[in-house]
């Protein structure tokens, strides 16, 4: 019962019928002009109906996020879980059902600004994630070749380098607060951060099979630096490890709540400890910085500090020159 204008043409011998618009919305002259324009594309080897279908069925940001995690983040990044968390927390709620090609600079700027109202550093990490994701989207065909990266041209929030570490005056209070922590595995993890300078995930995922009490050494087969790391253990670290209760069937040193798993989140115990110690501005990563600063102030070389902390570049270690 409806009238409309339809263009009939052939591509590779196959007949195509493409609706141009409803009669009344388009005049006969307008329909003919549109048809001639499309037939020029057909003569050049194009397929207007196929292009339209491809446009309508374009891939969404949700599909792009999934492809990014599976094809890039998981195979190539040790920190892929951080990307997965940011995708789930920020990108999917904001853009998940939108077509990837529909995301522009205004969308990225608005998201960056909204996150930055409360978490400026996190907003910058999300912006970096969006930039990388859309760089790959162009390579993988999720967006047209002329699609501009939506994160390009957006100024990041200014970030200040932290010089915070636990001072000798604060350490007795922190030690007492750690010893008062009721969770034995959280307590052991916090002491290991101070005694080894390891990263958060490196302590939580360490396995008993990697501890050598004879050589006084902890082997980390996979690290952020992309190589195995052999960390010498001090006598206090060895004593601490020998007192941690083992759970049969669980390979991890820092045991989690689930069977055969490690502790995943240590935030709540750390919040309790630092509040009790009166060092609420000290972050968990600052314990690693504390180890580096103590080594520097004790006169150790930047090369040695870099080896202990497993830095990939000495420029990363150079921050400790100020403490020395």
C-alpha atoms as a PDB file:
ATOM      1  CA  UNK A   1       0.000   0.000   0.000  1.00  0.00           C
ATOM      2  CA  UNK A   2       3.022   2.307  -0.022  1.00  0.00           C
ATOM      3  CA  UNK A   3       4.715   3.943  -2.984  1.00  0.00           C
ATOM      4  CA  UNK A   4       8.428   4.463  -3.285  1.00  0.00           C
ATOM      5  CA  UNK A   5      11.290   4.925  -5.727  1.00  0.00           C
ATOM      6  CA  UNK A   6      13.539   1.906  -6.352  1.00  0.00           C
ATOM      7  CA  UNK A   7      16.801   1.730  -8.299  1.00  0.00           C
ATOM      8  CA  UNK A   8      17.440  -1.502 -10.184  1.00  0.00           C
ATOM      9  CA  UNK A   9      21.013  -2.365 -11.204  1.00  0.00           C
ATOM     10  CA  UNK A  10      23.373  -5.342 -11.503  1.00  0.00           C
ATOM     11  CA  UNK A  11      26.675  -6.101  -9.779  1.00  0.00           C
ATOM     12  CA  UNK A  12      28.715  -9.090 -10.988  1.00  0.00           C
ATOM     13  CA  UNK A  13      25.632 -10.349 -12.790  1.00  0.00           C
ATOM     14  CA  UNK A  14      23.456 -10.173  -9.690  1.00  0.00           C
ATOM     15  CA  UNK A  15      20.372  -7.959  -9.701  1.00  0.00           C
ATOM     16  CA  UNK A  16      20.071  -5.362  -6.951  1.00  0.00           C
ATOM     17  CA  UNK A  17      16.953  -3.438  -5.892  1.00  0.00           C
ATOM     18  CA  UNK A  18      17.761  -0.407  -3.781  1.00  0.00           C
ATOM     19  CA  UNK A  19      15.066   1.749  -2.196  1.00  0.00           C
ATOM     20  CA  UNK A  20      15.751   5.451  -2.703  1.00  0.00           C
ATOM     21  CA  UNK A  21      12.899   6.881  -0.672  1.00  0.00           C
ATOM     22  CA  UNK A  22       9.137   7.201  -0.317  1.00  0.00           C
ATOM     23  CA  UNK A  23       6.994   8.844  -2.980  1.00  0.00           C
ATOM     24  CA  UNK A  24       5.971  12.256  -1.676  1.00  0.00           C
ATOM     25  CA  UNK A  25       9.119  12.633   0.393  1.00  0.00           C
ATOM     26  CA  UNK A  26      11.136  12.518  -2.833  1.00  0.00           C
ATOM     27  CA  UNK A  27       9.908  14.047  -6.076  1.00  0.00           C
ATOM     28  CA  UNK A  28      10.389  12.239  -9.355  1.00  0.00           C
ATOM     29  CA  UNK A  29      13.207  14.599 -10.370  1.00  0.00           C
ATOM     30  CA  UNK A  30      14.992  14.175  -7.027  1.00  0.00           C
ATOM     31  CA  UNK A  31      14.729  10.389  -7.291  1.00  0.00           C
ATOM     32  CA  UNK A  32      16.140  10.429 -10.834  1.00  0.00           C
ATOM     33  CA  UNK A  33      19.064  12.652  -9.810  1.00  0.00           C
ATOM     34  CA  UNK A  34      19.881  10.323  -6.893  1.00  0.00           C
ATOM     35  CA  UNK A  35      19.594   7.297  -9.186  1.00  0.00           C
ATOM     36  CA  UNK A  36      21.999   8.794 -11.759  1.00  0.00           C
ATOM     37  CA  UNK A  37      24.530   9.572  -9.015  1.00  0.00           C
ATOM     38  CA  UNK A  38      24.380   5.994  -7.721  1.00  0.00           C
ATOM     39  CA  UNK A  39      24.643   4.519 -11.232  1.00  0.00           C
ATOM     40  CA  UNK A  40      27.885   6.449 -11.728  1.00  0.00           C
ATOM     41  CA  UNK A  41      29.258   4.590  -8.684  1.00  0.00           C
ATOM     42  CA  UNK A  42      27.983   1.286 -10.113  1.00  0.00           C
ATOM     43  CA  UNK A  43      29.743   1.966 -13.433  1.00  0.00           C
ATOM     44  CA  UNK A  44      32.949   2.538 -11.472  1.00  0.00           C
ATOM     45  CA  UNK A  45      32.621  -0.916  -9.891  1.00  0.00           C
ATOM     46  CA  UNK A  46      30.824   0.092  -6.697  1.00  0.00           C
ATOM     47  CA  UNK A  47      27.820  -1.458  -4.999  1.00  0.00           C
ATOM     48  CA  UNK A  48      25.664   1.232  -3.314  1.00  0.00           C
ATOM     49  CA  UNK A  49      23.280  -1.269  -1.716  1.00  0.00           C
ATOM     50  CA  UNK A  50      26.174  -3.318  -0.337  1.00  0.00           C
ATOM     51  CA  UNK A  51      27.764  -0.154   1.044  1.00  0.00           C
ATOM     52  CA  UNK A  52      24.496   0.817   2.701  1.00  0.00           C
ATOM     53  CA  UNK A  53      24.137  -2.584   4.343  1.00  0.00           C
ATOM     54  CA  UNK A  54      27.724  -2.458   5.533  1.00  0.00           C
ATOM     55  CA  UNK A  55      27.054   1.001   6.962  1.00  0.00           C
ATOM     56  CA  UNK A  56      23.909  -0.123   8.765  1.00  0.00           C
ATOM     57  CA  UNK A  57      25.557  -3.254  10.129  1.00  0.00           C
ATOM     58  CA  UNK A  58      28.755  -1.506  11.266  1.00  0.00           C
ATOM     59  CA  UNK A  59      30.519  -2.854  14.310  1.00  0.00           C
ATOM     60  CA  UNK A  60      29.789  -1.353  17.708  1.00  0.00           C
ATOM     61  CA  UNK A  61      32.177  -0.048  20.346  1.00  0.00           C
ATOM     62  CA  UNK A  62      31.328  -3.134  22.398  1.00  0.00           C
ATOM     63  CA  UNK A  63      32.582  -5.356  19.576  1.00  0.00           C
ATOM     64  CA  UNK A  64      35.683  -3.193  19.185  1.00  0.00           C
ATOM     65  CA  UNK A  65      36.411  -3.453  22.930  1.00  0.00           C
ATOM     66  CA  UNK A  66      36.113  -7.233  22.799  1.00  0.00           C
ATOM     67  CA  UNK A  67      38.416  -7.418  19.780  1.00  0.00           C
ATOM     68  CA  UNK A  68      40.925  -5.103  21.473  1.00  0.00           C
ATOM     69  CA  UNK A  69      41.067  -7.220  24.631  1.00  0.00           C
ATOM     70  CA  UNK A  70      41.316 -10.555  22.813  1.00  0.00           C
ATOM     71  CA  UNK A  71      43.560  -9.559  19.909  1.00  0.00           C
ATOM     72  CA  UNK A  72      45.848  -6.995  21.518  1.00  0.00           C
ATOM     73  CA  UNK A  73      45.643  -6.509  25.289  1.00  0.00           C
ATOM     74  CA  UNK A  74      45.694 -10.128  26.500  1.00  0.00           C
ATOM     75  CA  UNK A  75      48.426 -11.359  24.132  1.00  0.00           C
ATOM     76  CA  UNK A  76      50.688  -8.313  24.457  1.00  0.00           C
ATOM     77  CA  UNK A  77      50.097  -6.525  27.796  1.00  0.00           C
ATOM     78  CA  UNK A  78      50.839  -7.720  31.307  1.00  0.00           C
ATOM     79  CA  UNK A  79      48.409  -5.057  32.541  1.00  0.00           C
ATOM     80  CA  UNK A  80      45.491  -6.197  30.351  1.00  0.00           C
ATOM     81  CA  UNK A  81      43.239  -6.574  33.390  1.00  0.00           C
ATOM     82  CA  UNK A  82      43.501  -2.816  33.972  1.00  0.00           C
ATOM     83  CA  UNK A  83      42.312  -2.274  30.397  1.00  0.00           C
ATOM     84  CA  UNK A  84      39.480  -4.753  30.926  1.00  0.00           C
ATOM     85  CA  UNK A  85      38.398  -2.938  34.099  1.00  0.00           C
ATOM     86  CA  UNK A  86      38.401   0.462  32.354  1.00  0.00           C
ATOM     87  CA  UNK A  87      36.473  -0.929  29.392  1.00  0.00           C
ATOM     88  CA  UNK A  88      33.838  -2.366  31.715  1.00  0.00           C
ATOM     89  CA  UNK A  89      33.648   0.691  33.994  1.00  0.00           C
ATOM     90  CA  UNK A  90      33.848   3.558  31.504  1.00  0.00           C
ATOM     91  CA  UNK A  91      33.685   2.671  27.815  1.00  0.00           C
ATOM     92  CA  UNK A  92      30.830   0.165  27.692  1.00  0.00           C
ATOM     93  CA  UNK A  93      28.377   2.229  29.801  1.00  0.00           C
ATOM     94  CA  UNK A  94      29.112   5.355  27.744  1.00  0.00           C
ATOM     95  CA  UNK A  95      29.480   4.015  24.200  1.00  0.00           C
ATOM     96  CA  UNK A  96      28.880   0.250  24.182  1.00  0.00           C
ATOM     97  CA  UNK A  97      25.876   0.200  21.833  1.00  0.00           C
ATOM     98  CA  UNK A  98      27.120   2.975  19.527  1.00  0.00           C
ATOM     99  CA  UNK A  99      28.838   2.289  16.226  1.00  0.00           C
ATOM    100  CA  UNK A 100      32.613   2.666  16.494  1.00  0.00           C
ATOM    101  CA  UNK A 101      32.628   5.096  13.551  1.00  0.00           C
ATOM    102  CA  UNK A 102      30.124   7.319  15.411  1.00  0.00           C
ATOM    103  CA  UNK A 103      32.592   8.172  18.183  1.00  0.00           C
ATOM    104  CA  UNK A 104      34.215  11.557  17.656  1.00  0.00           C
ATOM    105  CA  UNK A 105      36.561  13.878  19.485  1.00  0.00           C
ATOM    106  CA  UNK A 106      33.679  15.570  21.339  1.00  0.00           C
ATOM    107  CA  UNK A 107      32.639  12.193  22.797  1.00  0.00           C
ATOM    108  CA  UNK A 108      36.177  11.355  23.926  1.00  0.00           C
ATOM    109  CA  UNK A 109      36.683  14.841  25.383  1.00  0.00           C
ATOM    110  CA  UNK A 110      33.407  14.658  27.314  1.00  0.00           C
ATOM    111  CA  UNK A 111      34.277  11.231  28.777  1.00  0.00           C
ATOM    112  CA  UNK A 112      37.793  12.364  29.690  1.00  0.00           C
ATOM    113  CA  UNK A 113      36.434  15.478  31.389  1.00  0.00           C
ATOM    114  CA  UNK A 114      33.751  13.568  33.306  1.00  0.00           C
ATOM    115  CA  UNK A 115      36.196  11.010  34.711  1.00  0.00           C
ATOM    116  CA  UNK A 116      38.709  13.778  35.441  1.00  0.00           C
ATOM    117  CA  UNK A 117      36.307  15.564  37.779  1.00  0.00           C
ATOM    118  CA  UNK A 118      37.242  13.049  40.469  1.00  0.00           C
ATOM    119  CA  UNK A 119      40.101  10.925  39.050  1.00  0.00           C
ATOM    120  CA  UNK A 120      42.449  12.899  36.816  1.00  0.00           C
ATOM    121  CA  UNK A 121      45.131  10.246  36.432  1.00  0.00           C
ATOM    122  CA  UNK A 122      42.541   7.585  35.657  1.00  0.00           C
ATOM    123  CA  UNK A 123      40.993   9.894  33.049  1.00  0.00           C
ATOM    124  CA  UNK A 124      44.381  10.116  31.321  1.00  0.00           C
ATOM    125  CA  UNK A 125      44.765   6.327  31.294  1.00  0.00           C
ATOM    126  CA  UNK A 126      41.287   5.956  29.752  1.00  0.00           C
ATOM    127  CA  UNK A 127      42.193   8.525  27.084  1.00  0.00           C
ATOM    128  CA  UNK A 128      45.338   6.530  26.261  1.00  0.00           C
ATOM    129  CA  UNK A 129      43.233   3.380  26.036  1.00  0.00           C
ATOM    130  CA  UNK A 130      40.752   5.034  23.643  1.00  0.00           C
ATOM    131  CA  UNK A 131      43.618   6.301  21.482  1.00  0.00           C
ATOM    132  CA  UNK A 132      45.200   2.850  21.148  1.00  0.00           C
ATOM    133  CA  UNK A 133      41.871   1.146  20.608  1.00  0.00           C
ATOM    134  CA  UNK A 134      40.877   3.411  17.726  1.00  0.00           C
ATOM    135  CA  UNK A 135      44.336   3.184  16.189  1.00  0.00           C
ATOM    136  CA  UNK A 136      43.746  -0.566  15.989  1.00  0.00           C
ATOM    137  CA  UNK A 137      40.122  -0.033  14.886  1.00  0.00           C
ATOM    138  CA  UNK A 138      41.446   1.704  11.777  1.00  0.00           C
ATOM    139  CA  UNK A 139      43.848  -1.184  11.068  1.00  0.00           C
ATOM    140  CA  UNK A 140      41.175  -3.811  11.643  1.00  0.00           C
ATOM    141  CA  UNK A 141      38.509  -2.129   9.527  1.00  0.00           C
ATOM    142  CA  UNK A 142      36.133  -1.203  12.340  1.00  0.00           C
ATOM    143  CA  UNK A 143      36.123   2.405  11.125  1.00  0.00           C
ATOM    144  CA  UNK A 144      36.617   3.975   7.669  1.00  0.00           C
ATOM    145  CA  UNK A 145      40.157   4.829   6.613  1.00  0.00           C
ATOM    146  CA  UNK A 146      39.424   8.544   6.864  1.00  0.00           C
ATOM    147  CA  UNK A 147      38.043   8.262  10.406  1.00  0.00           C
ATOM    148  CA  UNK A 148      39.980  10.500  12.786  1.00  0.00           C
ATOM    149  CA  UNK A 149      41.173   9.032  16.075  1.00  0.00           C
ATOM    150  CA  UNK A 150      38.751  10.574  18.641  1.00  0.00           C
ATOM    151  CA  UNK A 151      41.465  10.839  21.322  1.00  0.00           C
ATOM    152  CA  UNK A 152      43.784  12.883  19.121  1.00  0.00           C
ATOM    153  CA  UNK A 153      44.160  16.550  20.058  1.00  0.00           C
ATOM    154  CA  UNK A 154      42.740  16.220  23.597  1.00  0.00           C
ATOM    155  CA  UNK A 155      45.008  17.602  26.309  1.00  0.00           C
ATOM    156  CA  UNK A 156      45.708  15.246  29.199  1.00  0.00           C
ATOM    157  CA  UNK A 157      45.366  16.426  32.768  1.00  0.00           C
ATOM    158  CA  UNK A 158      48.640  17.500  34.318  1.00  0.00           C
ATOM    159  CA  UNK A 159      50.201  14.779  36.439  1.00  0.00           C
ATOM    160  CA  UNK A 160      52.637  15.387  39.264  1.00  0.00           C
ATOM    161  CA  UNK A 161      55.402  12.918  40.001  1.00  0.00           C
ATOM    162  CA  UNK A 162      55.112  11.516  43.517  1.00  0.00           C
ATOM    163  CA  UNK A 163      58.056  11.670  45.890  1.00  0.00           C
ATOM    164  CA  UNK A 164      56.160  10.033  48.752  1.00  0.00           C
ATOM    165  CA  UNK A 165      57.800   7.232  50.683  1.00  0.00           C
ATOM    166  CA  UNK A 166      57.679   5.970  54.259  1.00  0.00           C
ATOM    167  CA  UNK A 167      60.111   7.940  56.394  1.00  0.00           C
ATOM    168  CA  UNK A 168      62.179   6.460  59.251  1.00  0.00           C
ATOM    169  CA  UNK A 169      59.913   8.329  61.688  1.00  0.00           C
ATOM    170  CA  UNK A 170      56.779   6.796  60.178  1.00  0.00           C
ATOM    171  CA  UNK A 171      58.058   3.250  59.853  1.00  0.00           C
ATOM    172  CA  UNK A 172      57.566   2.157  63.518  1.00  0.00           C
ATOM    173  CA  UNK A 173      53.900   3.232  63.393  1.00  0.00           C
ATOM    174  CA  UNK A 174      53.416   1.482  60.045  1.00  0.00           C
ATOM    175  CA  UNK A 175      55.114  -1.700  61.290  1.00  0.00           C
ATOM    176  CA  UNK A 176      52.866  -1.789  64.359  1.00  0.00           C
ATOM    177  CA  UNK A 177      49.752  -1.211  62.236  1.00  0.00           C
ATOM    178  CA  UNK A 178      50.722  -3.996  59.824  1.00  0.00           C
ATOM    179  CA  UNK A 179      51.255  -6.395  62.720  1.00  0.00           C
ATOM    180  CA  UNK A 180      47.762  -5.566  64.007  1.00  0.00           C
ATOM    181  CA  UNK A 181      46.128  -6.602  60.695  1.00  0.00           C
ATOM    182  CA  UNK A 182      43.969  -9.672  61.363  1.00  0.00           C
ATOM    183  CA  UNK A 183      44.205 -11.262  57.909  1.00  0.00           C
ATOM    184  CA  UNK A 184      47.497 -13.226  58.031  1.00  0.00           C
ATOM    185  CA  UNK A 185      47.949 -13.214  54.252  1.00  0.00           C
ATOM    186  CA  UNK A 186      47.255  -9.491  53.888  1.00  0.00           C
ATOM    187  CA  UNK A 187      49.677  -8.885  56.765  1.00  0.00           C
ATOM    188  CA  UNK A 188      52.357 -11.009  55.093  1.00  0.00           C
ATOM    189  CA  UNK A 189      51.789  -9.288  51.729  1.00  0.00           C
ATOM    190  CA  UNK A 190      52.277  -5.816  53.215  1.00  0.00           C
ATOM    191  CA  UNK A 191      55.511  -6.875  54.885  1.00  0.00           C
ATOM    192  CA  UNK A 192      56.730  -8.425  51.626  1.00  0.00           C
ATOM    193  CA  UNK A 193      56.151  -5.128  49.806  1.00  0.00           C
ATOM    194  CA  UNK A 194      58.452  -3.413  52.324  1.00  0.00           C
ATOM    195  CA  UNK A 195      61.041  -6.185  52.353  1.00  0.00           C
ATOM    196  CA  UNK A 196      61.276  -6.781  48.601  1.00  0.00           C
ATOM    197  CA  UNK A 197      60.078  -3.710  46.668  1.00  0.00           C
ATOM    198  CA  UNK A 198      57.954  -5.913  44.424  1.00  0.00           C
ATOM    199  CA  UNK A 199      54.954  -4.665  42.482  1.00  0.00           C
ATOM    200  CA  UNK A 200      51.449  -5.287  43.796  1.00  0.00           C
ATOM    201  CA  UNK A 201      50.607  -8.150  41.433  1.00  0.00           C
ATOM    202  CA  UNK A 202      54.059  -9.722  41.773  1.00  0.00           C
ATOM    203  CA  UNK A 203      53.565 -10.284  45.511  1.00  0.00           C
ATOM    204  CA  UNK A 204      49.971 -11.471  45.206  1.00  0.00           C
ATOM    205  CA  UNK A 205      50.688 -13.990  42.420  1.00  0.00           C
ATOM    206  CA  UNK A 206      54.006 -15.346  43.775  1.00  0.00           C
ATOM    207  CA  UNK A 207      54.083 -19.151  44.131  1.00  0.00           C
ATOM    208  CA  UNK A 208      55.817 -21.365  46.659  1.00  0.00           C
ATOM    209  CA  UNK A 209      57.577 -23.294  43.880  1.00  0.00           C
ATOM    210  CA  UNK A 210      59.489 -20.089  43.052  1.00  0.00           C
ATOM    211  CA  UNK A 211      60.937 -19.647  46.554  1.00  0.00           C
ATOM    212  CA  UNK A 212      64.448 -21.012  47.089  1.00  0.00           C
ATOM    213  CA  UNK A 213      65.327 -20.856  50.798  1.00  0.00           C
ATOM    214  CA  UNK A 214      68.825 -22.280  50.176  1.00  0.00           C
ATOM    215  CA  UNK A 215      69.790 -19.613  47.655  1.00  0.00           C
ATOM    216  CA  UNK A 216      67.601 -17.032  49.457  1.00  0.00           C
ATOM    217  CA  UNK A 217      65.941 -16.117  46.205  1.00  0.00           C
ATOM    218  CA  UNK A 218      62.463 -15.550  44.774  1.00  0.00           C
ATOM    219  CA  UNK A 219      61.985 -16.229  41.065  1.00  0.00           C
ATOM    220  CA  UNK A 220      59.300 -14.289  39.196  1.00  0.00           C
ATOM    221  CA  UNK A 221      58.845 -15.989  35.801  1.00  0.00           C
ATOM    222  CA  UNK A 222      56.664 -13.220  34.367  1.00  0.00           C
ATOM    223  CA  UNK A 223      57.100  -9.533  35.146  1.00  0.00           C
ATOM    224  CA  UNK A 224      56.071  -6.156  33.768  1.00  0.00           C
ATOM    225  CA  UNK A 225      59.556  -5.843  32.289  1.00  0.00           C
ATOM    226  CA  UNK A 226      58.787  -8.863  30.095  1.00  0.00           C
ATOM    227  CA  UNK A 227      61.489 -11.096  31.556  1.00  0.00           C
ATOM    228  CA  UNK A 228      62.059 -13.409  34.497  1.00  0.00           C
ATOM    229  CA  UNK A 229      63.296 -11.679  37.652  1.00  0.00           C
ATOM    230  CA  UNK A 230      65.435 -13.278  40.359  1.00  0.00           C
ATOM    231  CA  UNK A 231      65.067 -11.323  43.579  1.00  0.00           C
ATOM    232  CA  UNK A 232      67.520 -11.874  46.458  1.00  0.00           C
ATOM    233  CA  UNK A 233      65.714 -12.346  49.772  1.00  0.00           C
ATOM    234  CA  UNK A 234      66.996 -10.801  52.978  1.00  0.00           C
ATOM    235  CA  UNK A 235      67.043 -12.789  56.207  1.00  0.00           C
ATOM    236  CA  UNK A 236      63.892 -11.019  57.523  1.00  0.00           C
ATOM    237  CA  UNK A 237      62.118 -11.821  54.241  1.00  0.00           C
ATOM    238  CA  UNK A 238      63.082 -15.506  54.547  1.00  0.00           C
ATOM    239  CA  UNK A 239      61.886 -15.615  58.171  1.00  0.00           C
ATOM    240  CA  UNK A 240      58.594 -14.015  57.149  1.00  0.00           C
ATOM    241  CA  UNK A 241      58.051 -16.495  54.311  1.00  0.00           C
ATOM    242  CA  UNK A 242      58.756 -19.434  56.627  1.00  0.00           C
ATOM    243  CA  UNK A 243      55.956 -18.295  58.978  1.00  0.00           C
ATOM    244  CA  UNK A 244      53.236 -17.885  56.330  1.00  0.00           C
ATOM    245  CA  UNK A 245      50.714 -20.744  56.682  1.00  0.00           C
ATOM    246  CA  UNK A 246      50.526 -22.943  53.618  1.00  0.00           C
ATOM    247  CA  UNK A 247      47.246 -24.347  52.296  1.00  0.00           C
ATOM    248  CA  UNK A 248      47.362 -27.819  50.784  1.00  0.00           C
ATOM    249  CA  UNK A 249      46.508 -27.728  47.085  1.00  0.00           C
ATOM    250  CA  UNK A 250      47.058 -23.971  46.827  1.00  0.00           C
ATOM    251  CA  UNK A 251      50.287 -23.019  45.008  1.00  0.00           C
ATOM    252  CA  UNK A 252      50.173 -19.341  46.030  1.00  0.00           C
ATOM    253  CA  UNK A 253      52.034 -17.744  48.929  1.00  0.00           C
ATOM    254  CA  UNK A 254      49.323 -15.121  49.528  1.00  0.00           C
ATOM    255  CA  UNK A 255      46.224 -17.281  49.710  1.00  0.00           C
ATOM    256  CA  UNK A 256      42.868 -15.939  48.553  1.00  0.00           C
ATOM    257  CA  UNK A 257      39.307 -16.727  49.605  1.00  0.00           C
ATOM    258  CA  UNK A 258      38.564 -19.035  46.676  1.00  0.00           C
ATOM    259  CA  UNK A 259      40.036 -22.506  46.502  1.00  0.00           C
ATOM    260  CA  UNK A 260      43.519 -22.689  44.925  1.00  0.00           C
ATOM    261  CA  UNK A 261      43.552 -18.926  44.316  1.00  0.00           C
ATOM    262  CA  UNK A 262      45.617 -15.974  45.453  1.00  0.00           C
ATOM    263  CA  UNK A 263      44.433 -12.839  47.216  1.00  0.00           C
ATOM    264  CA  UNK A 264      43.113 -10.472  44.553  1.00  0.00           C
ATOM    265  CA  UNK A 265      42.262  -7.245  46.350  1.00  0.00           C
ATOM    266  CA  UNK A 266      44.334  -5.913  49.219  1.00  0.00           C
ATOM    267  CA  UNK A 267      42.835  -2.411  49.213  1.00  0.00           C
ATOM    268  CA  UNK A 268      40.663  -2.760  52.326  1.00  0.00           C
ATOM    269  CA  UNK A 269      43.414  -4.160  54.585  1.00  0.00           C
ATOM    270  CA  UNK A 270      45.795  -1.469  53.327  1.00  0.00           C
ATOM    271  CA  UNK A 271      43.252   1.290  54.048  1.00  0.00           C
ATOM    272  CA  UNK A 272      42.897  -0.016  57.617  1.00  0.00           C
ATOM    273  CA  UNK A 273      46.656  -0.217  58.120  1.00  0.00           C
ATOM    274  CA  UNK A 274      47.558   3.204  56.787  1.00  0.00           C
ATOM    275  CA  UNK A 275      44.748   4.857  58.756  1.00  0.00           C
ATOM    276  CA  UNK A 276      45.934   3.206  61.964  1.00  0.00           C
ATOM    277  CA  UNK A 277      49.520   4.295  61.199  1.00  0.00           C
ATOM    278  CA  UNK A 278      48.520   7.880  60.419  1.00  0.00           C
ATOM    279  CA  UNK A 279      49.949   7.727  56.866  1.00  0.00           C
ATOM    280  CA  UNK A 280      46.725   7.955  54.886  1.00  0.00           C
ATOM    281  CA  UNK A 281      48.437   9.678  51.946  1.00  0.00           C
ATOM    282  CA  UNK A 282      50.765   6.711  51.381  1.00  0.00           C
ATOM    283  CA  UNK A 283      49.634   4.516  48.514  1.00  0.00           C
ATOM    284  CA  UNK A 284      50.455   0.849  48.166  1.00  0.00           C
ATOM    285  CA  UNK A 285      52.886   1.568  45.308  1.00  0.00           C
ATOM    286  CA  UNK A 286      54.690   4.017  47.604  1.00  0.00           C
ATOM    287  CA  UNK A 287      55.985   1.017  49.567  1.00  0.00           C
ATOM    288  CA  UNK A 288      57.906  -0.007  46.456  1.00  0.00           C
ATOM    289  CA  UNK A 289      59.163   3.565  46.135  1.00  0.00           C
ATOM    290  CA  UNK A 290      60.166   3.370  49.818  1.00  0.00           C
ATOM    291  CA  UNK A 291      62.489   0.443  49.142  1.00  0.00           C
ATOM    292  CA  UNK A 292      64.138   2.344  46.289  1.00  0.00           C
ATOM    293  CA  UNK A 293      64.560   5.490  48.375  1.00  0.00           C
ATOM    294  CA  UNK A 294      66.108   3.593  51.291  1.00  0.00           C
ATOM    295  CA  UNK A 295      68.550   1.876  48.936  1.00  0.00           C
ATOM    296  CA  UNK A 296      69.496   5.251  47.433  1.00  0.00           C
ATOM    297  CA  UNK A 297      69.974   6.937  50.795  1.00  0.00           C
ATOM    298  CA  UNK A 298      72.144   4.029  51.912  1.00  0.00           C
ATOM    299  CA  UNK A 299      74.537   4.874  49.075  1.00  0.00           C
ATOM    300  CA  UNK A 300      73.698   2.064  46.643  1.00  0.00           C
ATOM    301  CA  UNK A 301      74.155   2.674  42.917  1.00  0.00           C
ATOM    302  CA  UNK A 302      71.262   3.360  40.568  1.00  0.00           C
ATOM    303  CA  UNK A 303      72.270   0.237  38.652  1.00  0.00           C
ATOM    304  CA  UNK A 304      71.789  -1.927  41.745  1.00  0.00           C
ATOM    305  CA  UNK A 305      68.483  -0.218  42.622  1.00  0.00           C
ATOM    306  CA  UNK A 306      67.259  -0.784  39.075  1.00  0.00           C
ATOM    307  CA  UNK A 307      68.148  -4.471  39.257  1.00  0.00           C
ATOM    308  CA  UNK A 308      66.401  -4.933  42.611  1.00  0.00           C
ATOM    309  CA  UNK A 309      63.251  -3.144  41.407  1.00  0.00           C
ATOM    310  CA  UNK A 310      63.499  -4.813  37.969  1.00  0.00           C
ATOM    311  CA  UNK A 311      63.296  -1.585  35.980  1.00  0.00           C
ATOM    312  CA  UNK A 312      63.528  -1.868  32.190  1.00  0.00           C
ATOM    313  CA  UNK A 313      65.282   1.485  31.835  1.00  0.00           C
ATOM    314  CA  UNK A 314      67.687   3.365  34.090  1.00  0.00           C
ATOM    315  CA  UNK A 315      65.718   6.556  33.408  1.00  0.00           C
ATOM    316  CA  UNK A 316      62.956   5.001  35.516  1.00  0.00           C
ATOM    317  CA  UNK A 317      65.432   4.506  38.334  1.00  0.00           C
ATOM    318  CA  UNK A 318      66.861   8.020  37.996  1.00  0.00           C
ATOM    319  CA  UNK A 319      64.183   9.423  40.319  1.00  0.00           C
ATOM    320  CA  UNK A 320      66.111   7.897  43.242  1.00  0.00           C
ATOM    321  CA  UNK A 321      69.156  10.026  42.493  1.00  0.00           C
ATOM    322  CA  UNK A 322      67.387  12.898  44.279  1.00  0.00           C
ATOM    323  CA  UNK A 323      67.014  10.808  47.425  1.00  0.00           C
ATOM    324  CA  UNK A 324      70.693   9.811  47.279  1.00  0.00           C
END
